[in-house]
């Protein structure tokens, strides 16, 4: 097995500056922020950005990995205090709200759950799929969710709920209503 070579100090600094500037740019402009501007503000060339992050999606993942891991971890925290069906809905509410509040996150999560093959899912998609799977399976065992519903389908529907709510008010005020309408249709 090949060893991963540690990053040189200057490369590490460039990487960190790129992440910092990308986080600012995505927060201000969403996932469509100019990658050239991010590189320029980080004080590096576009080639350096692409060496570290070959795609926009790779940069989005690096910027939001901690946020996504925190959202995935919330699944277990919520499941510890609520019955399975309620836990699933509460987690979907938090997930949907995060997709609206954190610019660029919805696009990243959308692409992460759009992939149907587990081999091409990103680390972000994998952690969310695992969290959703635990909640979905518990809700199905409880009888609060149809047995034919897949975790990835629930994540895709949450993306739709976030998009619909964002269209309505831009702040996610309708998420609970839309989730209630959705989950009624997912019950056995």
N, C-alpha and C. Protein backbone atom coordinates (compact mmCIF):
# COMPACT_ATOMS: atom_id res chain seq x y z
N UNK A 1 0.85 -1.19 0.00
CA UNK A 1 0.00 0.00 0.00
C UNK A 1 0.89 1.24 0.00
N UNK A 2 0.62 2.16 -0.89
CA UNK A 2 1.42 3.37 -1.00
C UNK A 2 1.10 4.32 0.14
N UNK A 3 2.15 4.95 0.63
CA UNK A 3 1.94 5.92 1.69
C UNK A 3 1.59 7.27 1.08
N UNK A 4 0.71 7.99 1.78
CA UNK A 4 0.34 9.32 1.33
C UNK A 4 1.43 10.28 1.82
N UNK A 5 1.98 11.01 0.87
CA UNK A 5 3.05 11.95 1.20
C UNK A 5 2.45 13.17 1.88
N UNK A 6 3.02 13.60 3.01
CA UNK A 6 2.48 14.79 3.67
C UNK A 6 2.66 16.02 2.78
N UNK A 7 1.74 16.96 2.93
CA UNK A 7 1.77 18.16 2.14
C UNK A 7 2.91 19.07 2.62
N UNK A 8 3.61 19.68 1.67
CA UNK A 8 4.63 20.67 2.04
C UNK A 8 3.95 21.82 2.76
N UNK A 9 4.71 22.55 3.55
CA UNK A 9 4.16 23.66 4.34
C UNK A 9 3.52 24.72 3.44
N UNK A 10 4.17 25.06 2.33
CA UNK A 10 3.60 26.08 1.45
C UNK A 10 2.33 25.58 0.76
N UNK A 11 2.32 24.30 0.41
CA UNK A 11 1.12 23.72 -0.20
C UNK A 11 -0.03 23.69 0.81
N UNK A 12 0.28 23.37 2.05
CA UNK A 12 -0.74 23.35 3.12
C UNK A 12 -1.32 24.76 3.31
N UNK A 13 -0.44 25.78 3.32
CA UNK A 13 -0.92 27.17 3.46
C UNK A 13 -1.82 27.54 2.30
N UNK A 14 -1.42 27.19 1.09
CA UNK A 14 -2.25 27.48 -0.09
C UNK A 14 -3.61 26.79 0.02
N UNK A 15 -3.59 25.54 0.43
CA UNK A 15 -4.82 24.76 0.61
C UNK A 15 -5.75 25.45 1.60
N UNK A 16 -5.21 25.83 2.74
CA UNK A 16 -6.01 26.49 3.78
C UNK A 16 -6.55 27.84 3.31
N UNK A 17 -5.72 28.62 2.61
CA UNK A 17 -6.19 29.92 2.09
C UNK A 17 -7.30 29.72 1.07
N UNK A 18 -7.14 28.72 0.22
CA UNK A 18 -8.18 28.43 -0.77
C UNK A 18 -9.50 28.06 -0.09
N UNK A 19 -9.43 27.21 0.93
CA UNK A 19 -10.65 26.84 1.66
C UNK A 19 -11.31 28.06 2.30
N UNK A 20 -10.50 28.90 2.92
CA UNK A 20 -11.02 30.10 3.60
C UNK A 20 -11.71 31.02 2.58
N UNK A 21 -11.04 31.29 1.48
CA UNK A 21 -11.62 32.19 0.47
C UNK A 21 -12.84 31.56 -0.20
N UNK A 22 -12.80 30.26 -0.41
CA UNK A 22 -13.95 29.58 -1.02
C UNK A 22 -15.16 29.65 -0.11
N UNK A 23 -14.96 29.47 1.19
CA UNK A 23 -16.07 29.55 2.15
C UNK A 23 -16.72 30.93 2.09
N UNK A 24 -15.90 31.97 2.03
CA UNK A 24 -16.42 33.34 1.94
C UNK A 24 -17.17 33.53 0.63
N UNK A 25 -16.56 33.09 -0.47
CA UNK A 25 -17.17 33.27 -1.79
C UNK A 25 -18.49 32.50 -1.92
N UNK A 26 -18.52 31.25 -1.42
CA UNK A 26 -19.75 30.48 -1.51
C UNK A 26 -20.84 31.09 -0.64
N UNK A 27 -20.47 31.61 0.52
CA UNK A 27 -21.46 32.26 1.40
C UNK A 27 -22.04 33.50 0.74
N UNK A 28 -21.21 34.23 0.01
CA UNK A 28 -21.67 35.47 -0.64
C UNK A 28 -22.40 35.21 -1.96
N UNK A 29 -21.89 34.27 -2.76
CA UNK A 29 -22.37 34.11 -4.13
C UNK A 29 -22.99 32.75 -4.43
N UNK A 30 -23.02 31.85 -3.46
CA UNK A 30 -23.55 30.51 -3.69
C UNK A 30 -22.54 29.65 -4.42
N UNK A 31 -23.00 28.48 -4.85
CA UNK A 31 -22.09 27.51 -5.45
C UNK A 31 -21.52 27.95 -6.79
N UNK A 32 -22.08 28.99 -7.38
CA UNK A 32 -21.59 29.48 -8.67
C UNK A 32 -20.48 30.51 -8.55
N UNK A 33 -19.95 30.72 -7.35
CA UNK A 33 -18.88 31.70 -7.16
C UNK A 33 -17.73 31.42 -8.11
N UNK A 34 -17.08 32.46 -8.57
CA UNK A 34 -15.98 32.34 -9.52
C UNK A 34 -14.77 31.66 -8.87
N UNK A 35 -14.35 30.56 -9.46
CA UNK A 35 -13.18 29.85 -8.95
C UNK A 35 -11.91 30.67 -9.19
N UNK A 36 -11.86 31.40 -10.30
CA UNK A 36 -10.71 32.26 -10.56
C UNK A 36 -10.59 33.35 -9.50
N UNK A 37 -11.72 33.93 -9.11
CA UNK A 37 -11.70 34.95 -8.04
C UNK A 37 -11.26 34.34 -6.72
N UNK A 38 -11.69 33.13 -6.43
CA UNK A 38 -11.28 32.46 -5.19
C UNK A 38 -9.77 32.29 -5.18
N UNK A 39 -9.22 31.81 -6.29
CA UNK A 39 -7.77 31.62 -6.39
C UNK A 39 -7.04 32.95 -6.22
N UNK A 40 -7.53 33.98 -6.91
CA UNK A 40 -6.89 35.30 -6.85
C UNK A 40 -6.90 35.83 -5.41
N UNK A 41 -8.04 35.74 -4.73
CA UNK A 41 -8.13 36.24 -3.35
C UNK A 41 -7.27 35.43 -2.39
N UNK A 42 -7.04 34.16 -2.72
CA UNK A 42 -6.18 33.32 -1.89
C UNK A 42 -4.70 33.56 -2.19
N UNK A 43 -4.43 34.36 -3.24
CA UNK A 43 -3.05 34.67 -3.59
C UNK A 43 -2.34 33.57 -4.34
N UNK A 44 -3.12 32.73 -5.05
CA UNK A 44 -2.53 31.64 -5.83
C UNK A 44 -3.11 31.68 -7.24
N UNK A 45 -2.50 30.94 -8.13
CA UNK A 45 -3.00 30.83 -9.48
C UNK A 45 -4.10 29.79 -9.59
N UNK A 46 -4.83 29.83 -10.68
CA UNK A 46 -5.91 28.86 -10.90
C UNK A 46 -5.39 27.43 -10.93
N UNK A 47 -4.17 27.25 -11.46
CA UNK A 47 -3.58 25.92 -11.51
C UNK A 47 -3.42 25.31 -10.12
N UNK A 48 -3.04 26.16 -9.16
CA UNK A 48 -2.90 25.68 -7.77
C UNK A 48 -4.26 25.26 -7.22
N UNK A 49 -5.28 26.05 -7.50
CA UNK A 49 -6.63 25.69 -7.04
C UNK A 49 -7.02 24.33 -7.61
N UNK A 50 -6.82 24.15 -8.92
CA UNK A 50 -7.24 22.89 -9.56
C UNK A 50 -6.37 21.70 -9.16
N UNK A 51 -5.12 21.94 -8.76
CA UNK A 51 -4.30 20.83 -8.25
C UNK A 51 -4.88 20.31 -6.94
N UNK A 52 -5.34 21.23 -6.09
CA UNK A 52 -5.92 20.83 -4.81
C UNK A 52 -7.36 20.34 -4.98
N UNK A 53 -8.12 21.01 -5.85
CA UNK A 53 -9.56 20.74 -6.02
C UNK A 53 -9.85 20.64 -7.51
N UNK A 54 -9.79 19.45 -8.08
CA UNK A 54 -9.94 19.31 -9.53
C UNK A 54 -11.31 19.72 -10.08
N UNK A 55 -12.33 19.77 -9.21
CA UNK A 55 -13.67 20.15 -9.65
C UNK A 55 -14.29 21.11 -8.63
N UNK A 56 -15.29 21.81 -9.08
CA UNK A 56 -16.05 22.69 -8.18
C UNK A 56 -16.65 21.87 -7.04
N UNK A 57 -17.14 20.69 -7.39
CA UNK A 57 -17.74 19.81 -6.39
C UNK A 57 -16.73 19.42 -5.31
N UNK A 58 -15.50 19.15 -5.71
CA UNK A 58 -14.45 18.80 -4.74
C UNK A 58 -14.18 19.96 -3.79
N UNK A 59 -14.20 21.18 -4.31
CA UNK A 59 -14.00 22.36 -3.46
C UNK A 59 -15.19 22.56 -2.52
N UNK A 60 -16.40 22.41 -3.04
CA UNK A 60 -17.59 22.52 -2.20
C UNK A 60 -17.54 21.48 -1.07
N UNK A 61 -17.17 20.27 -1.40
CA UNK A 61 -17.08 19.21 -0.38
C UNK A 61 -16.07 19.57 0.70
N UNK A 62 -14.92 20.06 0.29
CA UNK A 62 -13.88 20.40 1.26
C UNK A 62 -14.34 21.53 2.18
N UNK A 63 -15.04 22.51 1.60
CA UNK A 63 -15.53 23.63 2.40
C UNK A 63 -16.60 23.19 3.39
N UNK A 64 -17.49 22.28 2.96
CA UNK A 64 -18.65 21.94 3.77
C UNK A 64 -18.59 20.59 4.48
N UNK A 65 -17.45 19.91 4.44
CA UNK A 65 -17.37 18.57 5.02
C UNK A 65 -17.74 18.58 6.51
N UNK A 66 -17.28 19.55 7.26
CA UNK A 66 -17.61 19.60 8.69
C UNK A 66 -19.10 19.86 8.91
N UNK A 67 -19.68 20.72 8.11
CA UNK A 67 -21.11 21.01 8.22
C UNK A 67 -21.93 19.76 7.93
N UNK A 68 -21.55 19.04 6.90
CA UNK A 68 -22.28 17.83 6.51
C UNK A 68 -22.14 16.74 7.57
N UNK A 69 -20.94 16.60 8.10
CA UNK A 69 -20.73 15.61 9.17
C UNK A 69 -21.57 15.96 10.40
N UNK A 70 -21.69 17.24 10.70
CA UNK A 70 -22.50 17.67 11.85
C UNK A 70 -23.98 17.37 11.60
N UNK A 71 -24.45 17.60 10.39
CA UNK A 71 -25.84 17.30 10.05
C UNK A 71 -26.08 15.79 10.17
N UNK A 72 -25.16 15.00 9.66
CA UNK A 72 -25.30 13.54 9.75
C UNK A 72 -25.31 13.08 11.20
N UNK A 73 -24.46 13.67 12.02
CA UNK A 73 -24.39 13.31 13.44
C UNK A 73 -25.68 13.67 14.18
N UNK A 74 -26.35 14.70 13.73
CA UNK A 74 -27.62 15.10 14.36
C UNK A 74 -28.65 13.99 14.27
N UNK A 75 -28.56 13.14 13.27
CA UNK A 75 -29.53 12.04 13.13
C UNK A 75 -29.54 11.18 14.38
N UNK A 76 -28.37 10.81 14.87
CA UNK A 76 -28.29 9.98 16.07
C UNK A 76 -28.73 10.73 17.32
N UNK A 77 -28.37 12.00 17.40
CA UNK A 77 -28.78 12.80 18.57
C UNK A 77 -30.30 12.93 18.63
N UNK A 78 -30.91 13.17 17.49
CA UNK A 78 -32.37 13.31 17.45
C UNK A 78 -33.04 11.97 17.72
N UNK A 79 -32.49 10.90 17.15
CA UNK A 79 -33.06 9.56 17.34
C UNK A 79 -33.01 9.12 18.80
N UNK A 80 -32.08 9.68 19.55
CA UNK A 80 -31.94 9.30 20.96
C UNK A 80 -33.06 9.89 21.83
N UNK A 81 -33.74 10.93 21.33
CA UNK A 81 -34.75 11.59 22.16
C UNK A 81 -36.16 11.56 21.59
N UNK A 82 -36.33 11.15 20.34
CA UNK A 82 -37.65 11.14 19.72
C UNK A 82 -37.97 9.74 19.19
N UNK A 83 -39.25 9.41 19.11
CA UNK A 83 -39.64 8.14 18.46
C UNK A 83 -39.18 8.16 17.00
N UNK A 84 -38.94 6.99 16.42
CA UNK A 84 -38.35 6.92 15.07
C UNK A 84 -39.01 7.77 13.99
N UNK A 85 -40.31 7.72 13.87
CA UNK A 85 -40.99 8.51 12.84
C UNK A 85 -40.80 10.00 13.04
N UNK A 86 -40.93 10.44 14.27
CA UNK A 86 -40.72 11.87 14.59
C UNK A 86 -39.27 12.27 14.40
N UNK A 87 -38.35 11.37 14.75
CA UNK A 87 -36.92 11.66 14.60
C UNK A 87 -36.58 11.88 13.13
N UNK A 88 -37.13 11.05 12.26
CA UNK A 88 -36.87 11.20 10.83
C UNK A 88 -37.35 12.55 10.33
N UNK A 89 -38.57 12.93 10.70
CA UNK A 89 -39.13 14.21 10.25
C UNK A 89 -38.32 15.38 10.82
N UNK A 90 -37.93 15.31 12.08
CA UNK A 90 -37.16 16.41 12.68
C UNK A 90 -35.80 16.54 12.01
N UNK A 91 -35.15 15.42 11.73
CA UNK A 91 -33.85 15.47 11.06
C UNK A 91 -34.00 16.03 9.64
N UNK A 92 -35.04 15.61 8.93
CA UNK A 92 -35.28 16.14 7.59
C UNK A 92 -35.54 17.64 7.64
N UNK A 93 -36.21 18.10 8.68
CA UNK A 93 -36.43 19.53 8.85
C UNK A 93 -35.09 20.26 9.00
N UNK A 94 -34.23 19.75 9.87
CA UNK A 94 -32.93 20.38 10.07
C UNK A 94 -32.09 20.34 8.80
N UNK A 95 -32.11 19.22 8.12
CA UNK A 95 -31.36 19.07 6.88
C UNK A 95 -31.86 20.07 5.83
N UNK A 96 -33.16 20.14 5.65
CA UNK A 96 -33.74 21.05 4.66
C UNK A 96 -33.45 22.50 4.99
N UNK A 97 -33.56 22.85 6.25
CA UNK A 97 -33.25 24.22 6.67
C UNK A 97 -31.79 24.55 6.42
N UNK A 98 -30.90 23.63 6.70
CA UNK A 98 -29.48 23.84 6.44
C UNK A 98 -29.22 24.09 4.96
N UNK A 99 -29.94 23.37 4.10
CA UNK A 99 -29.75 23.54 2.66
C UNK A 99 -30.13 24.95 2.20
N UNK A 100 -31.03 25.59 2.93
CA UNK A 100 -31.42 26.94 2.57
C UNK A 100 -30.48 27.96 3.21
N UNK A 101 -30.10 27.74 4.45
CA UNK A 101 -29.30 28.72 5.19
C UNK A 101 -27.84 28.76 4.78
N UNK A 102 -27.29 27.64 4.34
CA UNK A 102 -25.88 27.58 3.98
C UNK A 102 -25.78 27.55 2.46
N UNK A 103 -25.45 28.71 1.88
CA UNK A 103 -25.41 28.82 0.42
C UNK A 103 -24.40 27.85 -0.17
N UNK A 104 -24.81 27.17 -1.20
CA UNK A 104 -23.95 26.20 -1.86
C UNK A 104 -24.14 24.78 -1.36
N UNK A 105 -24.70 24.65 -0.17
CA UNK A 105 -24.87 23.32 0.42
C UNK A 105 -25.92 22.51 -0.34
N UNK A 106 -26.99 23.16 -0.76
CA UNK A 106 -28.06 22.45 -1.47
C UNK A 106 -27.52 21.86 -2.78
N UNK A 107 -26.71 22.61 -3.49
CA UNK A 107 -26.15 22.09 -4.75
C UNK A 107 -25.24 20.90 -4.48
N UNK A 108 -24.44 20.99 -3.45
CA UNK A 108 -23.53 19.89 -3.12
C UNK A 108 -24.31 18.66 -2.70
N UNK A 109 -25.29 18.84 -1.82
CA UNK A 109 -26.06 17.69 -1.37
C UNK A 109 -26.91 17.13 -2.49
N UNK A 110 -27.39 18.00 -3.36
CA UNK A 110 -28.15 17.52 -4.50
C UNK A 110 -27.33 16.61 -5.38
N UNK A 111 -26.09 17.01 -5.65
CA UNK A 111 -25.25 16.15 -6.49
C UNK A 111 -24.82 14.90 -5.72
N UNK A 112 -24.67 15.01 -4.41
CA UNK A 112 -24.25 13.85 -3.61
C UNK A 112 -25.33 12.78 -3.57
N UNK A 113 -26.60 13.17 -3.54
CA UNK A 113 -27.67 12.16 -3.48
C UNK A 113 -28.26 11.84 -4.84
N UNK A 114 -27.81 12.54 -5.87
CA UNK A 114 -28.30 12.25 -7.22
C UNK A 114 -27.65 11.00 -7.78
N UNK A 115 -26.45 10.70 -7.30
CA UNK A 115 -25.73 9.53 -7.79
C UNK A 115 -26.41 8.27 -7.29
N UNK A 116 -26.72 7.37 -8.18
CA UNK A 116 -27.42 6.15 -7.77
C UNK A 116 -26.45 5.03 -7.37
N UNK A 117 -25.23 5.10 -7.85
CA UNK A 117 -24.27 4.05 -7.53
C UNK A 117 -23.46 4.42 -6.30
N UNK A 118 -23.43 3.56 -5.29
CA UNK A 118 -22.63 3.85 -4.09
C UNK A 118 -21.16 4.08 -4.41
N UNK A 119 -20.66 3.52 -5.49
CA UNK A 119 -19.24 3.67 -5.83
C UNK A 119 -18.89 5.10 -6.23
N UNK A 120 -19.87 5.87 -6.72
CA UNK A 120 -19.57 7.24 -7.14
C UNK A 120 -20.05 8.28 -6.16
N UNK A 121 -20.64 7.86 -5.06
CA UNK A 121 -21.06 8.83 -4.06
C UNK A 121 -19.86 9.42 -3.36
N UNK A 122 -19.98 10.66 -2.99
CA UNK A 122 -18.90 11.34 -2.29
C UNK A 122 -18.94 10.97 -0.81
N UNK A 123 -17.90 11.36 -0.10
CA UNK A 123 -17.88 11.15 1.35
C UNK A 123 -19.08 11.85 1.98
N UNK A 124 -19.40 13.04 1.47
CA UNK A 124 -20.54 13.78 2.01
C UNK A 124 -21.83 13.00 1.81
N UNK A 125 -22.01 12.49 0.60
CA UNK A 125 -23.21 11.71 0.31
C UNK A 125 -23.27 10.44 1.12
N UNK A 126 -22.13 9.83 1.34
CA UNK A 126 -22.08 8.59 2.11
C UNK A 126 -22.51 8.81 3.55
N UNK A 127 -22.00 9.85 4.20
CA UNK A 127 -22.37 10.08 5.60
C UNK A 127 -23.84 10.44 5.73
N UNK A 128 -24.37 11.20 4.79
CA UNK A 128 -25.80 11.53 4.83
C UNK A 128 -26.65 10.30 4.55
N UNK A 129 -26.23 9.49 3.59
CA UNK A 129 -26.98 8.27 3.28
C UNK A 129 -27.01 7.32 4.46
N UNK A 130 -25.90 7.21 5.16
CA UNK A 130 -25.87 6.33 6.33
C UNK A 130 -26.78 6.86 7.44
N UNK A 131 -26.75 8.17 7.68
CA UNK A 131 -27.62 8.75 8.70
C UNK A 131 -29.08 8.55 8.31
N UNK A 132 -29.40 8.81 7.05
CA UNK A 132 -30.78 8.64 6.58
C UNK A 132 -31.19 7.18 6.70
N UNK A 133 -30.29 6.27 6.37
CA UNK A 133 -30.61 4.84 6.43
C UNK A 133 -30.98 4.42 7.85
N UNK A 134 -30.22 4.90 8.83
CA UNK A 134 -30.53 4.54 10.22
C UNK A 134 -31.92 5.05 10.61
N UNK A 135 -32.24 6.28 10.24
CA UNK A 135 -33.54 6.85 10.60
C UNK A 135 -34.68 6.19 9.82
N UNK A 136 -34.47 5.98 8.54
CA UNK A 136 -35.51 5.36 7.70
C UNK A 136 -35.81 3.95 8.19
N UNK A 137 -34.77 3.16 8.43
CA UNK A 137 -34.98 1.78 8.89
C UNK A 137 -35.70 1.74 10.24
N UNK A 138 -35.35 2.64 11.14
CA UNK A 138 -36.03 2.69 12.45
C UNK A 138 -37.49 3.07 12.28
N UNK A 139 -37.77 4.05 11.42
CA UNK A 139 -39.15 4.47 11.18
C UNK A 139 -39.95 3.36 10.51
N UNK A 140 -39.30 2.60 9.63
CA UNK A 140 -39.99 1.48 8.99
C UNK A 140 -40.29 0.37 10.00
N UNK A 141 -39.33 0.08 10.88
CA UNK A 141 -39.57 -0.94 11.92
C UNK A 141 -40.71 -0.53 12.84
N UNK A 142 -40.83 0.77 13.10
CA UNK A 142 -41.89 1.29 13.96
C UNK A 142 -43.24 1.29 13.25
N UNK A 143 -43.22 1.21 11.94
CA UNK A 143 -44.46 1.26 11.18
C UNK A 143 -44.87 2.68 10.81
N UNK A 144 -43.96 3.63 10.97
CA UNK A 144 -44.26 5.03 10.66
C UNK A 144 -43.90 5.40 9.22
N UNK A 145 -43.27 4.46 8.50
CA UNK A 145 -42.81 4.74 7.15
C UNK A 145 -43.02 3.50 6.29
N UNK A 146 -43.45 3.71 5.06
CA UNK A 146 -43.66 2.60 4.14
C UNK A 146 -42.38 1.77 4.01
N UNK A 147 -42.53 0.48 3.86
CA UNK A 147 -41.38 -0.43 3.78
C UNK A 147 -40.62 -0.30 2.46
N UNK A 148 -41.25 0.23 1.42
CA UNK A 148 -40.58 0.32 0.12
C UNK A 148 -39.82 1.62 -0.10
N UNK A 149 -39.75 2.48 0.91
CA UNK A 149 -39.06 3.76 0.80
C UNK A 149 -37.56 3.57 1.06
N UNK A 150 -36.74 4.08 0.15
CA UNK A 150 -35.29 3.98 0.28
C UNK A 150 -34.72 5.24 0.92
N UNK A 151 -33.65 5.13 1.70
CA UNK A 151 -33.04 6.31 2.32
C UNK A 151 -32.67 7.39 1.31
N UNK A 152 -32.11 7.01 0.17
CA UNK A 152 -31.72 8.02 -0.81
C UNK A 152 -32.95 8.74 -1.36
N UNK A 153 -34.08 8.06 -1.44
CA UNK A 153 -35.31 8.71 -1.89
C UNK A 153 -35.75 9.77 -0.89
N UNK A 154 -35.60 9.46 0.38
CA UNK A 154 -35.97 10.42 1.43
C UNK A 154 -35.06 11.65 1.34
N UNK A 155 -33.78 11.43 1.09
CA UNK A 155 -32.86 12.57 0.94
C UNK A 155 -33.20 13.40 -0.29
N UNK A 156 -33.55 12.74 -1.37
CA UNK A 156 -33.95 13.48 -2.58
C UNK A 156 -35.22 14.29 -2.34
N UNK A 157 -36.15 13.71 -1.60
CA UNK A 157 -37.38 14.42 -1.28
C UNK A 157 -37.10 15.61 -0.36
N UNK A 158 -36.15 15.46 0.57
CA UNK A 158 -35.78 16.58 1.44
C UNK A 158 -35.20 17.72 0.61
N UNK A 159 -34.43 17.39 -0.40
CA UNK A 159 -33.90 18.40 -1.31
C UNK A 159 -35.04 19.14 -2.00
N UNK A 160 -36.06 18.39 -2.41
CA UNK A 160 -37.22 19.01 -3.03
C UNK A 160 -37.99 19.90 -2.06
N UNK A 161 -38.11 19.45 -0.82
CA UNK A 161 -38.79 20.27 0.21
C UNK A 161 -38.03 21.57 0.43
N UNK A 162 -36.70 21.47 0.52
CA UNK A 162 -35.89 22.68 0.71
C UNK A 162 -36.07 23.63 -0.47
N UNK A 163 -36.06 23.09 -1.67
CA UNK A 163 -36.22 23.93 -2.86
C UNK A 163 -37.59 24.58 -2.90
N UNK A 164 -38.64 23.82 -2.57
CA UNK A 164 -40.00 24.37 -2.57
C UNK A 164 -40.14 25.46 -1.52
N UNK A 165 -39.59 25.21 -0.34
CA UNK A 165 -39.69 26.21 0.73
C UNK A 165 -38.89 27.45 0.38
N UNK A 166 -37.75 27.27 -0.22
CA UNK A 166 -36.93 28.41 -0.61
C UNK A 166 -37.66 29.27 -1.64
N UNK A 167 -38.37 28.63 -2.56
CA UNK A 167 -39.15 29.37 -3.55
C UNK A 167 -40.29 30.15 -2.90
N UNK A 168 -40.85 29.59 -1.83
CA UNK A 168 -41.98 30.22 -1.18
C UNK A 168 -41.58 31.47 -0.41
N UNK A 169 -40.55 31.35 0.43
CA UNK A 169 -40.23 32.50 1.28
C UNK A 169 -38.74 32.79 1.41
N UNK A 170 -37.91 31.93 0.86
CA UNK A 170 -36.47 32.14 0.92
C UNK A 170 -35.83 31.88 2.26
N UNK A 171 -36.64 31.54 3.26
CA UNK A 171 -36.10 31.37 4.61
C UNK A 171 -36.39 30.01 5.23
N UNK A 172 -37.18 29.21 4.58
CA UNK A 172 -37.49 27.89 5.11
C UNK A 172 -38.67 27.84 6.06
N UNK A 173 -39.49 28.87 6.07
CA UNK A 173 -40.63 28.90 6.99
C UNK A 173 -41.69 27.85 6.68
N UNK A 174 -41.70 27.35 5.45
CA UNK A 174 -42.71 26.37 5.04
C UNK A 174 -42.21 24.93 5.12
N UNK A 175 -40.97 24.72 5.56
CA UNK A 175 -40.40 23.38 5.56
C UNK A 175 -41.25 22.40 6.37
N UNK A 176 -41.64 22.77 7.58
CA UNK A 176 -42.43 21.84 8.41
C UNK A 176 -43.75 21.47 7.73
N UNK A 177 -44.40 22.45 7.11
CA UNK A 177 -45.66 22.16 6.42
C UNK A 177 -45.42 21.20 5.26
N UNK A 178 -44.40 21.47 4.45
CA UNK A 178 -44.12 20.61 3.31
C UNK A 178 -43.69 19.22 3.75
N UNK A 179 -42.92 19.14 4.84
CA UNK A 179 -42.54 17.82 5.36
C UNK A 179 -43.76 17.05 5.85
N UNK A 180 -44.69 17.75 6.48
CA UNK A 180 -45.91 17.09 6.95
C UNK A 180 -46.70 16.54 5.76
N UNK A 181 -46.82 17.32 4.70
CA UNK A 181 -47.51 16.85 3.50
C UNK A 181 -46.79 15.65 2.89
N UNK A 182 -45.48 15.72 2.87
CA UNK A 182 -44.67 14.64 2.32
C UNK A 182 -44.79 13.37 3.15
N UNK A 183 -44.62 13.49 4.44
CA UNK A 183 -44.60 12.28 5.28
C UNK A 183 -45.97 11.60 5.36
N UNK A 184 -47.02 12.36 5.18
CA UNK A 184 -48.35 11.72 5.11
C UNK A 184 -48.39 10.73 3.96
N UNK A 185 -47.77 11.10 2.85
CA UNK A 185 -47.75 10.22 1.69
C UNK A 185 -46.79 9.06 1.82
N UNK A 186 -45.84 9.16 2.75
CA UNK A 186 -44.86 8.08 2.93
C UNK A 186 -45.28 7.07 4.00
N UNK A 187 -46.37 7.38 4.69
CA UNK A 187 -46.83 6.43 5.74
C UNK A 187 -47.47 5.21 5.09
N UNK A 188 -47.38 4.07 5.77
CA UNK A 188 -47.99 2.85 5.21
C UNK A 188 -49.51 2.96 5.16
